[in-house]
Amino acid sequence: MEALVLLGGFAAVAAAGYFIMAKIDCFLERVRRQNAERENMLPLHVATSCLHAIPSAAEILNDMGARYPNVQCSLSFGQEREVIRAFDAGDADVAIVSAQAESGLPARWECVTVNPRSVFMAYSGLPVKTLDQTPRHEKILWKHQAAPFLTAEFVQRFCGHGP
């Protein structure tokens, strides 16, 4: 009788272990697929020190993200020296800074006039307006790195040369 109870207990533990391992295997397979998808993603990182540039840049990046599902777009905002440092370190593919700013590395650039626009807060739908409505002259810096067609399209559209 004891042997039968031990055999039943062993069978129950084995069945539970098999069930748990099957669940873990499904979870790990899902993680592997997600990692493979991320590896196939093309990054486009834009950094700006110009508050006026955020609405236009965000609109362009949202549009590009919708048109190219394998593109991972990001927009960062910070002080000019932080933006230049990120650009020089390769953490940003495009930098939008003041017209007087200089990068420590060779980069292509173009001066552009940025007109102030309202930004809508995603979580509340409230418009954030700038008090100063004076157009700003900014410099857009870019390097052709991992995905040059993405960088070129962003720059052309931001500068008003593209669709």
Protein backbone atom coordinates (compact mmCIF):
# COMPACT_ATOMS: atom_id res chain seq x y z
CA MET A 1 0.00 0.00 0.00
CA GLU A 2 2.83 2.38 0.88
CA ALA A 3 4.46 1.73 -2.48
CA LEU A 4 1.22 2.67 -4.25
CA VAL A 5 0.97 5.94 -2.31
CA LEU A 6 4.64 6.71 -3.07
CA LEU A 7 4.12 5.90 -6.74
CA GLY A 8 1.01 8.13 -6.87
CA GLY A 9 2.87 10.97 -5.15
CA PHE A 10 5.80 10.63 -7.53
CA ALA A 11 3.43 10.65 -10.52
CA ALA A 12 1.70 13.79 -9.19
CA VAL A 13 5.03 15.59 -8.68
CA ALA A 14 6.20 14.53 -12.16
CA ALA A 15 2.95 15.77 -13.75
CA ALA A 16 3.15 19.08 -11.88
CA GLY A 17 6.81 19.47 -12.90
CA TYR A 18 5.96 18.75 -16.54
CA PHE A 19 3.13 21.31 -16.43
CA ILE A 20 5.38 23.97 -14.88
CA MET A 21 8.20 23.30 -17.37
CA ALA A 22 5.74 23.55 -20.29
CA LYS A 23 4.58 26.96 -19.01
CA ILE A 24 8.18 28.14 -18.56
CA ASP A 25 9.06 26.93 -22.07
CA CYS A 26 6.15 28.92 -23.56
CA PHE A 27 7.24 32.01 -21.63
CA LEU A 28 10.87 31.69 -22.75
CA GLU A 29 9.82 31.18 -26.38
CA ARG A 30 7.74 34.39 -26.21
CA VAL A 31 10.75 36.26 -24.77
CA ARG A 32 13.02 34.86 -27.54
CA ARG A 33 10.57 36.05 -30.21
CA GLN A 34 10.35 39.52 -28.67
CA ASN A 35 14.16 39.76 -28.51
CA ALA A 36 14.43 38.68 -32.14
CA GLU A 37 11.90 41.36 -33.13
CA ARG A 38 13.85 43.99 -31.21
CA GLU A 39 17.08 42.95 -32.92
CA ASN A 40 15.41 43.57 -36.30
CA MET A 41 14.27 47.05 -35.23
CA LEU A 42 16.00 50.03 -36.79
CA PRO A 43 16.63 52.85 -34.31
CA LEU A 44 16.12 56.55 -34.98
CA HIS A 45 17.08 58.70 -32.00
CA VAL A 46 16.50 62.46 -32.15
CA ALA A 47 17.68 64.81 -29.40
CA THR A 48 16.82 68.49 -29.12
CA SER A 49 17.53 71.41 -26.86
CA CYS A 50 14.89 73.50 -28.64
CA LEU A 51 11.45 73.38 -27.06
CA HIS A 52 9.93 74.79 -30.27
CA ALA A 53 11.23 71.79 -32.24
CA ILE A 54 9.40 69.17 -30.16
CA PRO A 55 5.95 69.36 -31.86
CA SER A 56 7.33 69.07 -35.39
CA ALA A 57 9.87 66.40 -34.50
CA ALA A 58 7.29 64.35 -32.58
CA GLU A 59 4.81 64.56 -35.46
CA ILE A 60 7.43 63.41 -37.98
CA LEU A 61 8.63 60.57 -35.71
CA ASN A 62 5.06 59.39 -35.07
CA ASP A 63 4.36 59.36 -38.79
CA MET A 64 7.59 57.48 -39.54
CA GLY A 65 6.85 54.95 -36.79
CA ALA A 66 3.41 54.31 -38.30
CA ARG A 67 4.78 53.93 -41.84
CA TYR A 68 7.77 51.79 -40.87
CA PRO A 69 6.74 49.20 -38.24
CA ASN A 70 10.34 47.99 -37.82
CA VAL A 71 11.55 51.47 -36.79
CA GLN A 72 11.94 52.36 -33.14
CA CYS A 73 11.82 56.17 -32.84
CA SER A 74 12.74 58.18 -29.78
CA LEU A 75 12.81 61.90 -29.00
CA SER A 76 14.89 63.32 -26.16
CA PHE A 77 14.95 66.84 -24.74
CA GLY A 78 17.78 68.35 -22.72
CA GLN A 79 20.22 71.18 -22.35
CA GLU A 80 22.30 71.96 -25.40
CA ARG A 81 25.56 70.57 -24.04
CA GLU A 82 23.78 67.30 -23.12
CA VAL A 83 22.29 67.05 -26.62
CA ILE A 84 25.70 67.67 -28.24
CA ARG A 85 27.31 65.12 -25.90
CA ALA A 86 24.66 62.50 -26.81
CA PHE A 87 25.11 63.25 -30.51
CA ASP A 88 28.91 63.02 -30.31
CA ALA A 89 28.68 59.76 -28.32
CA GLY A 90 26.39 58.22 -30.94
CA ASP A 91 23.35 58.08 -28.65
CA ALA A 92 21.46 60.43 -30.99
CA ASP A 93 21.32 60.16 -34.78
CA VAL A 94 19.98 63.70 -35.17
CA ALA A 95 20.50 66.73 -32.92
CA ILE A 96 18.50 69.96 -33.04
CA VAL A 97 20.36 72.76 -31.27
CA SER A 98 20.87 76.51 -31.45
CA ALA A 99 22.31 77.93 -34.67
CA GLN A 100 25.59 78.75 -32.88
CA ALA A 101 26.20 75.25 -31.47
CA GLU A 102 29.07 73.10 -32.73
CA SER A 103 29.57 69.37 -32.58
CA GLY A 104 32.94 67.94 -31.58
CA LEU A 105 32.73 65.44 -34.44
CA PRO A 106 32.34 66.02 -38.16
CA ALA A 107 28.66 66.02 -39.02
CA ARG A 108 26.37 67.29 -41.71
CA TRP A 109 24.20 70.22 -40.71
CA GLU A 110 21.63 72.68 -41.96
CA CYS A 111 20.13 75.79 -40.40
CA VAL A 112 16.35 75.85 -40.21
CA THR A 113 13.73 78.24 -38.87
CA VAL A 114 11.43 76.63 -36.31
CA ASN A 115 8.04 78.22 -35.72
CA PRO A 116 6.47 77.75 -32.28
CA ARG A 117 3.51 75.35 -32.15
CA SER A 118 1.36 73.96 -29.38
CA VAL A 119 2.03 70.53 -27.95
CA PHE A 120 -0.78 68.37 -26.60
CA MET A 121 -0.15 66.40 -23.44
CA ALA A 122 -0.87 62.74 -24.24
CA TYR A 123 -2.43 61.84 -20.91
CA SER A 124 -4.66 64.91 -20.53
CA GLY A 125 -5.18 66.33 -24.02
CA LEU A 126 -4.26 69.80 -22.77
CA PRO A 127 -2.36 72.08 -25.15
CA VAL A 128 0.99 73.41 -23.94
CA LYS A 129 1.70 76.71 -25.67
CA THR A 130 4.90 78.71 -25.71
CA LEU A 131 4.58 82.32 -24.66
CA ASP A 132 7.31 83.48 -27.03
CA GLN A 133 5.93 83.15 -30.57
CA THR A 134 9.12 84.36 -32.27
CA PRO A 135 10.48 81.91 -34.87
CA ARG A 136 13.85 80.47 -33.84
CA HIS A 137 16.85 79.74 -36.01
CA GLU A 138 18.13 76.31 -35.09
CA LYS A 139 20.78 73.97 -36.44
CA ILE A 140 20.01 70.36 -37.25
CA LEU A 141 23.01 68.02 -37.11
CA TRP A 142 23.00 64.46 -38.42
CA LYS A 143 25.28 61.56 -39.20
CA HIS A 144 24.58 58.72 -41.59
CA GLN A 145 24.87 55.71 -39.32
CA ALA A 146 22.90 52.47 -39.07
CA ALA A 147 19.84 53.52 -41.08
CA PRO A 148 20.77 56.45 -43.35
CA PHE A 149 17.40 56.49 -45.16
CA LEU A 150 15.61 57.12 -41.85
CA THR A 151 17.94 59.96 -40.90
CA ALA A 152 17.69 61.50 -44.37
CA GLU A 153 13.90 61.31 -44.38
CA PHE A 154 13.64 62.89 -40.93
CA VAL A 155 16.03 65.71 -41.84
CA GLN A 156 14.28 66.42 -45.15
CA ARG A 157 10.87 66.53 -43.54
CA PHE A 158 12.03 68.62 -40.57
CA CYS A 159 13.72 71.12 -42.87
CA GLY A 160 10.61 71.29 -45.06
CA HIS A 161 12.11 69.56 -48.09
CA GLY A 162 10.08 66.36 -47.92
CA PRO A 163 6.44 65.29 -47.99
